[in-house]
Protein backbone atom coordinates (compact mmCIF):
# COMPACT_ATOMS: atom_id res chain seq x y z
CA UNK A 1 -11.19 0.87 14.38
CA UNK A 2 -9.96 -1.45 17.46
CA UNK A 3 -10.81 0.76 20.24
CA UNK A 4 -7.83 -0.87 22.37
CA UNK A 5 -5.65 0.54 19.32
CA UNK A 6 -3.25 2.50 20.93
CA UNK A 7 -1.64 5.53 18.65
CA UNK A 8 1.20 7.59 19.61
CA UNK A 9 2.78 10.16 16.72
CA UNK A 10 6.01 11.23 17.07
CA UNK A 11 7.24 14.09 14.92
CA UNK A 12 11.23 13.52 14.99
CA UNK A 13 13.58 12.50 12.70
CA UNK A 14 14.03 9.25 11.91
CA UNK A 15 17.63 7.99 10.79
CA UNK A 16 20.78 7.00 12.35
CA UNK A 17 20.82 10.53 14.26
CA UNK A 18 18.05 9.48 16.13
CA UNK A 19 18.68 5.90 17.25
CA UNK A 20 19.28 7.05 20.29
CA UNK A 21 15.26 7.82 20.57
CA UNK A 22 14.17 5.41 18.29
CA UNK A 23 16.23 2.29 19.41
CA UNK A 24 15.36 -1.64 20.72
CA UNK A 25 13.93 -0.30 23.68
CA UNK A 26 11.34 1.67 21.19
CA UNK A 27 10.88 -1.19 18.61
CA UNK A 28 9.98 -4.20 21.07
CA UNK A 29 7.22 -2.21 22.50
CA UNK A 30 5.52 -1.86 19.22
CA UNK A 31 3.13 -4.68 16.95
CA UNK A 32 3.40 -2.44 14.23
CA UNK A 33 4.46 0.86 12.22
CA UNK A 34 2.18 3.69 10.19
CA UNK A 35 4.20 6.22 8.54
CA UNK A 36 3.82 9.56 6.81
CA UNK A 37 7.41 10.06 5.91
CA UNK A 38 7.95 13.17 3.92
CA UNK A 39 11.80 11.65 1.84
CA UNK A 40 12.81 8.70 0.27
CA UNK A 41 16.01 7.98 2.27
CA UNK A 42 13.43 8.03 5.68
CA UNK A 43 10.97 5.58 3.95
CA UNK A 44 14.08 3.57 3.22
CA UNK A 45 15.75 3.80 6.75
CA UNK A 46 12.12 2.74 8.00
CA UNK A 47 11.73 0.06 6.10
CA UNK A 48 15.24 -1.22 6.89
CA UNK A 49 14.20 -1.29 10.52
CA UNK A 50 10.86 -3.04 10.43
CA UNK A 51 12.30 -5.51 8.85
CA UNK A 52 14.96 -5.77 11.10
CA UNK A 53 12.36 -5.99 13.89
CA UNK A 54 10.33 -7.72 11.81
CA UNK A 55 7.10 -5.28 12.10
CA UNK A 56 4.39 -4.61 9.86
CA UNK A 57 4.75 -1.22 8.23
CA UNK A 58 1.69 0.70 6.93
CA UNK A 59 3.59 3.68 4.52
CA UNK A 60 2.48 6.84 3.05
CA UNK A 61 3.02 9.63 1.74
CA UNK A 62 6.78 9.32 -0.16
CA UNK A 63 4.86 8.53 -3.22
CA UNK A 64 2.83 11.36 -3.34
CA UNK A 65 -0.21 11.05 -5.28
CA UNK A 66 0.44 7.82 -7.42
CA UNK A 67 -1.90 6.09 -4.90
CA UNK A 68 0.75 2.89 -4.89
CA UNK A 69 -0.45 0.04 -2.20
CA UNK A 70 1.55 -3.56 -1.74
CA UNK A 71 1.28 -6.32 0.31
CA UNK A 72 4.25 -7.83 1.12
CA UNK A 73 5.30 -10.87 3.49
CA UNK A 74 7.71 -10.63 5.98
CA UNK A 75 9.82 -12.98 4.41
CA UNK A 76 10.11 -11.37 1.18
CA UNK A 77 13.12 -9.38 1.76
CA UNK A 78 14.26 -9.35 -1.67
CA UNK A 79 11.18 -7.70 -2.77
CA UNK A 80 11.33 -4.82 -0.50
CA UNK A 81 15.24 -4.22 -1.73
CA UNK A 82 13.83 -4.39 -5.36
CA UNK A 83 10.68 -1.82 -4.78
CA UNK A 84 13.69 0.63 -2.28
CA UNK A 85 15.98 0.77 -5.78
CA UNK A 86 12.71 1.35 -7.54
CA UNK A 87 11.87 4.22 -5.15
CA UNK A 88 15.25 5.78 -5.47
CA UNK A 89 15.09 6.41 -9.04
């Protein structure tokens, strides 16, 4: 791991109701996002936020034991939307 990496864990719910905590000031300070969310709604919300702020996201948790991994370019918005629909099923 990079010894210069700064990791700060947050346990607050992410969504419209916490945009006062996780707004522009919060995302503008980030180089990337790592999540371990427990529901698809939060996962889709964070996916949208990372797209908007053009941040890479490493996600784990919402697919359980399926062990799914995807590498996507920032410009692949259509792929993310398709993947989001697959998760919602």
